Amino acid sequence: MSVPTGLISHTRKVRSIYKQALRTLECWYDRREVYRYYAVLMRQQFDENKNIKDMRVAKDLVANAEEELFLKQHWLPRKFPNSPGGVAYGREVIPPDWVLDYWHPLEKAQYPEYFSRREQRKREYVKLWEKKFGKTESLPHH
């Protein structure tokens, strides 16, 4: 869970608790019909309290729900594979653009339109850089 910054509305807190509670139920109940049964019961609890206008009572309900969620959390929560903490997080490394500069000319010849457009864009980028920051002085070669 990420650390929230700024103010979070009461409605957003309740939605977040509800979603976390559903994820917790998914962890505890493998069989879909059992999970759905407890999800419906939990939704009923949320619906019973949705029309409370007194913010002190609502705030207490949120605090109690957060505490109950903490106490009932699963010892090994499920994580989505590509999410932080998942088994595939960061597995696919996207190579940086400069790798294409080291392709062999025969490899580049297979994609002439792409590499001509790429060289044109590199020149445009250098012009933009020089316009914004000025020309760079060439370094002496040893």
N, C-alpha and C. Protein backbone atom coordinates (compact mmCIF):
# COMPACT_ATOMS: atom_id res chain seq x y z
N MET A 1 0.86 -1.17 0.00
CA MET A 1 0.00 0.00 0.00
C MET A 1 0.89 1.22 0.00
N SER A 2 0.59 2.18 -0.86
CA SER A 2 1.40 3.38 -0.93
C SER A 2 0.96 4.36 0.15
N VAL A 3 1.86 5.25 0.49
CA VAL A 3 1.58 6.26 1.50
C VAL A 3 0.84 7.40 0.82
N PRO A 4 -0.39 7.71 1.29
CA PRO A 4 -1.14 8.79 0.66
C PRO A 4 -0.56 10.15 1.02
N THR A 5 -0.62 11.06 0.07
CA THR A 5 -0.19 12.42 0.33
C THR A 5 -1.38 13.34 0.14
N GLY A 6 -1.47 14.37 0.93
CA GLY A 6 -2.58 15.30 0.82
C GLY A 6 -3.80 14.80 1.56
N LEU A 7 -4.90 15.50 1.35
CA LEU A 7 -6.14 15.14 2.02
C LEU A 7 -6.88 14.08 1.21
N ILE A 8 -7.49 13.14 1.94
CA ILE A 8 -8.28 12.08 1.31
C ILE A 8 -9.69 12.18 1.85
N SER A 9 -10.64 12.19 0.95
CA SER A 9 -12.03 12.33 1.37
C SER A 9 -12.50 11.07 2.09
N HIS A 10 -13.56 11.23 2.86
CA HIS A 10 -14.13 10.10 3.60
C HIS A 10 -14.60 9.01 2.63
N THR A 11 -15.23 9.43 1.55
CA THR A 11 -15.73 8.47 0.56
C THR A 11 -14.59 7.65 -0.02
N ARG A 12 -13.48 8.31 -0.31
CA ARG A 12 -12.34 7.60 -0.88
C ARG A 12 -11.74 6.62 0.12
N LYS A 13 -11.70 7.00 1.39
CA LYS A 13 -11.21 6.09 2.42
C LYS A 13 -12.08 4.84 2.50
N VAL A 14 -13.41 5.05 2.46
CA VAL A 14 -14.34 3.92 2.55
C VAL A 14 -14.17 3.01 1.34
N ARG A 15 -14.04 3.59 0.15
CA ARG A 15 -13.81 2.78 -1.05
C ARG A 15 -12.52 1.98 -0.94
N SER A 16 -11.48 2.61 -0.44
CA SER A 16 -10.20 1.93 -0.29
C SER A 16 -10.30 0.76 0.69
N ILE A 17 -10.97 0.99 1.80
CA ILE A 17 -11.16 -0.08 2.80
C ILE A 17 -11.96 -1.22 2.19
N TYR A 18 -12.99 -0.89 1.44
CA TYR A 18 -13.83 -1.91 0.82
C TYR A 18 -13.01 -2.77 -0.14
N LYS A 19 -12.21 -2.12 -0.97
CA LYS A 19 -11.40 -2.86 -1.93
C LYS A 19 -10.35 -3.72 -1.22
N GLN A 20 -9.72 -3.18 -0.20
CA GLN A 20 -8.74 -3.97 0.55
C GLN A 20 -9.41 -5.15 1.23
N ALA A 21 -10.62 -4.95 1.72
CA ALA A 21 -11.35 -6.04 2.37
C ALA A 21 -11.69 -7.13 1.36
N LEU A 22 -12.09 -6.74 0.16
CA LEU A 22 -12.35 -7.75 -0.87
C LEU A 22 -11.09 -8.55 -1.21
N ARG A 23 -9.97 -7.86 -1.32
CA ARG A 23 -8.70 -8.55 -1.61
C ARG A 23 -8.33 -9.50 -0.48
N THR A 24 -8.60 -9.08 0.75
CA THR A 24 -8.31 -9.94 1.89
C THR A 24 -9.20 -11.19 1.87
N LEU A 25 -10.47 -10.99 1.53
CA LEU A 25 -11.37 -12.15 1.42
C LEU A 25 -10.90 -13.11 0.33
N GLU A 26 -10.40 -12.57 -0.79
CA GLU A 26 -9.88 -13.42 -1.86
C GLU A 26 -8.72 -14.28 -1.36
N CYS A 27 -7.92 -13.71 -0.49
CA CYS A 27 -6.78 -14.47 0.05
C CYS A 27 -7.24 -15.61 0.94
N TRP A 28 -8.27 -15.37 1.73
CA TRP A 28 -8.70 -16.37 2.70
C TRP A 28 -9.55 -17.47 2.09
N TYR A 29 -10.32 -17.15 1.05
CA TYR A 29 -11.27 -18.13 0.51
C TYR A 29 -10.93 -18.43 -0.95
N ASP A 30 -10.46 -19.65 -1.19
CA ASP A 30 -10.08 -20.05 -2.54
C ASP A 30 -11.29 -20.38 -3.41
N ARG A 31 -12.30 -20.98 -2.82
CA ARG A 31 -13.47 -21.36 -3.60
C ARG A 31 -14.32 -20.12 -3.87
N ARG A 32 -14.67 -19.93 -5.12
CA ARG A 32 -15.35 -18.71 -5.55
C ARG A 32 -16.70 -18.50 -4.84
N GLU A 33 -17.47 -19.58 -4.68
CA GLU A 33 -18.80 -19.42 -4.07
C GLU A 33 -18.69 -19.02 -2.60
N VAL A 34 -17.68 -19.51 -1.91
CA VAL A 34 -17.48 -19.14 -0.50
C VAL A 34 -17.03 -17.68 -0.42
N TYR A 35 -16.12 -17.31 -1.30
CA TYR A 35 -15.67 -15.92 -1.34
C TYR A 35 -16.85 -14.98 -1.61
N ARG A 36 -17.70 -15.31 -2.59
CA ARG A 36 -18.83 -14.45 -2.93
C ARG A 36 -19.80 -14.32 -1.76
N TYR A 37 -20.00 -15.42 -1.03
CA TYR A 37 -20.89 -15.38 0.12
C TYR A 37 -20.41 -14.34 1.14
N TYR A 38 -19.13 -14.42 1.50
CA TYR A 38 -18.59 -13.47 2.48
C TYR A 38 -18.49 -12.06 1.90
N ALA A 39 -18.28 -11.93 0.60
CA ALA A 39 -18.24 -10.60 -0.02
C ALA A 39 -19.61 -9.93 0.05
N VAL A 40 -20.67 -10.73 -0.16
CA VAL A 40 -22.03 -10.17 -0.08
C VAL A 40 -22.34 -9.75 1.35
N LEU A 41 -21.93 -10.57 2.34
CA LEU A 41 -22.16 -10.20 3.74
C LEU A 41 -21.41 -8.91 4.09
N MET A 42 -20.19 -8.79 3.60
CA MET A 42 -19.41 -7.59 3.88
C MET A 42 -20.05 -6.37 3.22
N ARG A 43 -20.52 -6.53 1.98
CA ARG A 43 -21.17 -5.42 1.28
C ARG A 43 -22.42 -4.97 2.04
N GLN A 44 -23.10 -5.91 2.63
CA GLN A 44 -24.30 -5.58 3.42
C GLN A 44 -23.92 -4.68 4.60
N GLN A 45 -22.78 -4.99 5.24
CA GLN A 45 -22.32 -4.15 6.35
C GLN A 45 -22.04 -2.72 5.87
N PHE A 46 -21.40 -2.61 4.71
CA PHE A 46 -21.09 -1.28 4.17
C PHE A 46 -22.38 -0.54 3.82
N ASP A 47 -23.33 -1.25 3.21
CA ASP A 47 -24.59 -0.61 2.81
C ASP A 47 -25.40 -0.15 4.01
N GLU A 48 -25.34 -0.87 5.12
CA GLU A 48 -26.08 -0.48 6.32
C GLU A 48 -25.60 0.87 6.86
N ASN A 49 -24.35 1.19 6.65
CA ASN A 49 -23.76 2.41 7.21
C ASN A 49 -23.56 3.53 6.19
N LYS A 50 -24.07 3.36 4.98
CA LYS A 50 -23.77 4.36 3.94
C LYS A 50 -24.52 5.68 4.11
N ASN A 51 -25.62 5.68 4.85
CA ASN A 51 -26.42 6.90 4.99
C ASN A 51 -26.17 7.65 6.30
N ILE A 52 -25.09 7.32 6.98
CA ILE A 52 -24.77 8.00 8.24
C ILE A 52 -24.26 9.41 7.93
N LYS A 53 -24.91 10.41 8.52
CA LYS A 53 -24.55 11.81 8.25
C LYS A 53 -23.58 12.38 9.29
N ASP A 54 -23.59 11.83 10.49
CA ASP A 54 -22.73 12.32 11.56
C ASP A 54 -21.29 11.88 11.29
N MET A 55 -20.42 12.84 11.01
CA MET A 55 -19.05 12.51 10.62
C MET A 55 -18.24 11.90 11.76
N ARG A 56 -18.60 12.18 13.01
CA ARG A 56 -17.88 11.55 14.13
C ARG A 56 -18.14 10.06 14.13
N VAL A 57 -19.39 9.68 13.93
CA VAL A 57 -19.74 8.26 13.88
C VAL A 57 -19.09 7.60 12.66
N ALA A 58 -19.14 8.29 11.52
CA ALA A 58 -18.55 7.76 10.30
C ALA A 58 -17.05 7.58 10.44
N LYS A 59 -16.40 8.54 11.11
CA LYS A 59 -14.95 8.46 11.33
C LYS A 59 -14.61 7.27 12.23
N ASP A 60 -15.42 7.06 13.26
CA ASP A 60 -15.21 5.91 14.14
C ASP A 60 -15.39 4.60 13.39
N LEU A 61 -16.39 4.55 12.51
CA LEU A 61 -16.61 3.34 11.71
C LEU A 61 -15.41 3.05 10.81
N VAL A 62 -14.85 4.10 10.20
CA VAL A 62 -13.67 3.93 9.34
C VAL A 62 -12.49 3.42 10.17
N ALA A 63 -12.29 3.99 11.35
CA ALA A 63 -11.18 3.56 12.21
C ALA A 63 -11.36 2.09 12.63
N ASN A 64 -12.60 1.72 12.99
CA ASN A 64 -12.86 0.33 13.38
C ASN A 64 -12.66 -0.61 12.20
N ALA A 65 -13.08 -0.18 11.01
CA ALA A 65 -12.91 -1.02 9.81
C ALA A 65 -11.43 -1.21 9.50
N GLU A 66 -10.63 -0.14 9.63
CA GLU A 66 -9.20 -0.26 9.37
C GLU A 66 -8.55 -1.21 10.37
N GLU A 67 -8.96 -1.13 11.64
CA GLU A 67 -8.40 -2.02 12.66
C GLU A 67 -8.80 -3.47 12.38
N GLU A 68 -10.07 -3.69 12.03
CA GLU A 68 -10.53 -5.05 11.72
C GLU A 68 -9.80 -5.60 10.50
N LEU A 69 -9.59 -4.75 9.51
CA LEU A 69 -8.86 -5.16 8.31
C LEU A 69 -7.43 -5.56 8.67
N PHE A 70 -6.81 -4.80 9.55
CA PHE A 70 -5.45 -5.12 9.98
C PHE A 70 -5.42 -6.44 10.73
N LEU A 71 -6.38 -6.66 11.62
CA LEU A 71 -6.39 -7.89 12.42
C LEU A 71 -6.70 -9.13 11.58
N LYS A 72 -7.47 -8.97 10.52
CA LYS A 72 -7.88 -10.11 9.71
C LYS A 72 -7.06 -10.29 8.44
N GLN A 73 -5.95 -9.55 8.31
CA GLN A 73 -5.16 -9.67 7.09
C GLN A 73 -4.56 -11.07 6.98
N HIS A 74 -4.37 -11.50 5.76
CA HIS A 74 -3.85 -12.84 5.49
C HIS A 74 -2.35 -12.86 5.72
N TRP A 75 -1.85 -14.00 6.16
CA TRP A 75 -0.41 -14.12 6.45
C TRP A 75 0.43 -14.14 5.18
N LEU A 76 -0.17 -14.51 4.04
CA LEU A 76 0.53 -14.48 2.76
C LEU A 76 -0.40 -13.89 1.71
N PRO A 77 -0.48 -12.56 1.64
CA PRO A 77 -1.43 -11.95 0.70
C PRO A 77 -1.05 -12.21 -0.75
N ARG A 78 -2.08 -12.33 -1.58
CA ARG A 78 -1.84 -12.51 -3.01
C ARG A 78 -1.42 -11.19 -3.61
N LYS A 79 -0.55 -11.28 -4.59
CA LYS A 79 -0.12 -10.09 -5.30
C LYS A 79 -0.27 -10.35 -6.79
N PHE A 80 -0.63 -9.32 -7.53
CA PHE A 80 -0.70 -9.46 -8.98
C PHE A 80 0.73 -9.63 -9.49
N PRO A 81 0.92 -10.48 -10.50
CA PRO A 81 2.28 -10.80 -10.95
C PRO A 81 3.13 -9.59 -11.32
N ASN A 82 2.55 -8.60 -12.01
CA ASN A 82 3.34 -7.46 -12.47
C ASN A 82 3.34 -6.28 -11.50
N SER A 83 2.68 -6.43 -10.35
CA SER A 83 2.68 -5.38 -9.34
C SER A 83 3.92 -5.50 -8.45
N PRO A 84 4.33 -4.43 -7.79
CA PRO A 84 5.47 -4.52 -6.88
C PRO A 84 5.25 -5.63 -5.85
N GLY A 85 6.22 -6.51 -5.73
CA GLY A 85 6.09 -7.65 -4.84
C GLY A 85 5.61 -8.89 -5.55
N GLY A 86 5.12 -8.76 -6.78
CA GLY A 86 4.66 -9.90 -7.56
C GLY A 86 5.83 -10.65 -8.18
N VAL A 87 5.57 -11.87 -8.64
CA VAL A 87 6.65 -12.72 -9.14
C VAL A 87 7.24 -12.22 -10.45
N ALA A 88 6.50 -11.43 -11.22
CA ALA A 88 6.99 -10.97 -12.52
C ALA A 88 7.32 -9.47 -12.52
N TYR A 89 7.32 -8.84 -11.34
CA TYR A 89 7.56 -7.40 -11.28
C TYR A 89 8.99 -7.08 -11.74
N GLY A 90 9.08 -6.22 -12.74
CA GLY A 90 10.38 -5.81 -13.24
C GLY A 90 11.10 -6.87 -14.05
N ARG A 91 10.40 -7.92 -14.44
CA ARG A 91 11.04 -9.02 -15.16
C ARG A 91 11.39 -8.60 -16.58
N GLU A 92 10.48 -7.89 -17.24
CA GLU A 92 10.72 -7.48 -18.62
C GLU A 92 11.45 -6.14 -18.61
N VAL A 93 12.70 -6.16 -18.98
CA VAL A 93 13.49 -4.94 -18.99
C VAL A 93 13.41 -4.33 -20.39
N ILE A 94 12.96 -3.10 -20.46
CA ILE A 94 12.87 -2.40 -21.75
C ILE A 94 14.21 -1.73 -22.01
N PRO A 95 14.89 -2.11 -23.08
CA PRO A 95 16.22 -1.55 -23.33
C PRO A 95 16.14 -0.06 -23.67
N PRO A 96 17.13 0.71 -23.27
CA PRO A 96 17.13 2.14 -23.59
C PRO A 96 17.35 2.37 -25.09
N ASP A 97 16.99 3.55 -25.55
CA ASP A 97 17.05 3.87 -26.97
C ASP A 97 18.46 3.84 -27.54
N TRP A 98 19.46 4.18 -26.74
CA TRP A 98 20.83 4.27 -27.27
C TRP A 98 21.38 2.92 -27.72
N VAL A 99 20.74 1.83 -27.33
CA VAL A 99 21.19 0.50 -27.76
C VAL A 99 21.11 0.39 -29.28
N LEU A 100 20.13 1.06 -29.89
CA LEU A 100 19.97 1.00 -31.35
C LEU A 100 21.15 1.65 -32.08
N ASP A 101 21.86 2.55 -31.42
CA ASP A 101 23.03 3.17 -32.05
C ASP A 101 24.14 2.16 -32.30
N TYR A 102 24.15 1.07 -31.57
CA TYR A 102 25.21 0.08 -31.69
C TYR A 102 24.83 -1.10 -32.59
N TRP A 103 23.68 -1.00 -33.26
CA TRP A 103 23.31 -2.04 -34.21
C TRP A 103 24.30 -2.01 -35.38
N HIS A 104 24.53 -3.15 -35.97
CA HIS A 104 25.37 -3.25 -37.15
C HIS A 104 24.63 -2.62 -38.34
N PRO A 105 25.36 -2.00 -39.28
CA PRO A 105 24.69 -1.38 -40.44
C PRO A 105 23.80 -2.35 -41.23
N LEU A 106 24.16 -3.61 -41.28
CA LEU A 106 23.30 -4.58 -41.98
C LEU A 106 21.98 -4.79 -41.24
N GLU A 107 22.03 -4.70 -39.92
CA GLU A 107 20.78 -4.80 -39.15
C GLU A 107 19.91 -3.56 -39.38
N LYS A 108 20.57 -2.39 -39.40
CA LYS A 108 19.83 -1.15 -39.63
C LYS A 108 19.25 -1.11 -41.04
N ALA A 109 19.91 -1.75 -42.00
CA ALA A 109 19.43 -1.75 -43.39
C ALA A 109 18.11 -2.49 -43.53
N GLN A 110 17.77 -3.33 -42.59
CA GLN A 110 16.50 -4.06 -42.65
C GLN A 110 15.31 -3.15 -42.33
N TYR A 111 15.58 -2.01 -41.69
CA TYR A 111 14.51 -1.07 -41.30
C TYR A 111 14.90 0.34 -41.73
N PRO A 112 15.02 0.59 -43.05
CA PRO A 112 15.55 1.88 -43.51
C PRO A 112 14.68 3.08 -43.14
N GLU A 113 13.36 2.94 -43.24
CA GLU A 113 12.48 4.07 -42.93
C GLU A 113 12.57 4.45 -41.45
N TYR A 114 12.58 3.45 -40.59
CA TYR A 114 12.65 3.71 -39.15
C TYR A 114 13.94 4.44 -38.79
N PHE A 115 15.07 3.93 -39.30
CA PHE A 115 16.35 4.53 -38.91
C PHE A 115 16.58 5.89 -39.55
N SER A 116 16.02 6.13 -40.76
CA SER A 116 16.16 7.47 -41.33
C SER A 116 15.34 8.47 -40.51
N ARG A 117 14.13 8.08 -40.09
CA ARG A 117 13.30 8.94 -39.25
C ARG A 117 13.96 9.15 -37.89
N ARG A 118 14.58 8.11 -37.36
CA ARG A 118 15.25 8.20 -36.06
C ARG A 118 16.43 9.17 -36.13
N GLU A 119 17.23 9.09 -37.19
CA GLU A 119 18.36 10.01 -37.35
C GLU A 119 17.86 11.45 -37.50
N GLN A 120 16.75 11.63 -38.23
CA GLN A 120 16.18 12.98 -38.38
C GLN A 120 15.73 13.52 -37.02
N ARG A 121 15.09 12.70 -36.22
CA ARG A 121 14.63 13.14 -34.91
C ARG A 121 15.80 13.42 -33.97
N LYS A 122 16.87 12.65 -34.09
CA LYS A 122 18.06 12.92 -33.27
C LYS A 122 18.64 14.29 -33.62
N ARG A 123 18.69 14.62 -34.92
CA ARG A 123 19.20 15.94 -35.35
C ARG A 123 18.29 17.05 -34.81
N GLU A 124 16.97 16.83 -34.88
CA GLU A 124 16.03 17.82 -34.36
C GLU A 124 16.21 18.01 -32.86
N TYR A 125 16.47 16.93 -32.16
CA TYR A 125 16.67 17.01 -30.71
C TYR A 125 17.94 17.80 -30.39
N VAL A 126 19.00 17.57 -31.17
CA VAL A 126 20.25 18.31 -30.95
C VAL A 126 20.02 19.80 -31.19
N LYS A 127 19.28 20.15 -32.24
CA LYS A 127 18.97 21.56 -32.51
C LYS A 127 18.16 22.17 -31.37
N LEU A 128 17.17 21.43 -30.88
CA LEU A 128 16.36 21.90 -29.77
C LEU A 128 17.21 22.11 -28.53
N TRP A 129 18.12 21.18 -28.27
CA TRP A 129 19.01 21.27 -27.12
C TRP A 129 19.90 22.51 -27.24
N GLU A 130 20.50 22.71 -28.42
CA GLU A 130 21.38 23.86 -28.62
C GLU A 130 20.61 25.18 -28.53
N LYS A 131 19.37 25.19 -28.99
CA LYS A 131 18.55 26.39 -28.89
C LYS A 131 18.24 26.71 -27.44
N LYS A 132 17.98 25.67 -26.66
CA LYS A 132 17.58 25.87 -25.27
C LYS A 132 18.78 26.16 -24.36
N PHE A 133 19.89 25.42 -24.56
CA PHE A 133 21.03 25.52 -23.64
C PHE A 133 22.29 26.08 -24.28
N GLY A 134 22.30 26.31 -25.57
CA GLY A 134 23.49 26.80 -26.24
C GLY A 134 24.35 25.64 -26.71
N LYS A 135 25.30 25.96 -27.59
CA LYS A 135 26.18 24.92 -28.12
C LYS A 135 27.14 24.45 -27.04
N THR A 136 27.40 23.16 -27.06
CA THR A 136 28.36 22.61 -26.10
C THR A 136 29.76 22.74 -26.68
N GLU A 137 30.72 23.03 -25.82
CA GLU A 137 32.10 23.14 -26.28
C GLU A 137 32.64 21.73 -26.48
N SER A 138 33.39 21.56 -27.54
CA SER A 138 33.96 20.23 -27.77
C SER A 138 35.10 19.99 -26.79
N LEU A 139 35.16 18.80 -26.28
CA LEU A 139 36.20 18.44 -25.32
C LEU A 139 37.47 18.05 -26.06
N PRO A 140 38.63 18.41 -25.53
CA PRO A 140 39.87 18.02 -26.20
C PRO A 140 40.06 16.49 -26.11
N HIS A 141 40.52 15.91 -27.20
CA HIS A 141 40.75 14.46 -27.23
C HIS A 141 42.18 14.18 -26.81
N HIS A 142 42.38 13.15 -26.06
CA HIS A 142 43.73 12.78 -25.60
C HIS A 142 44.32 11.73 -26.48
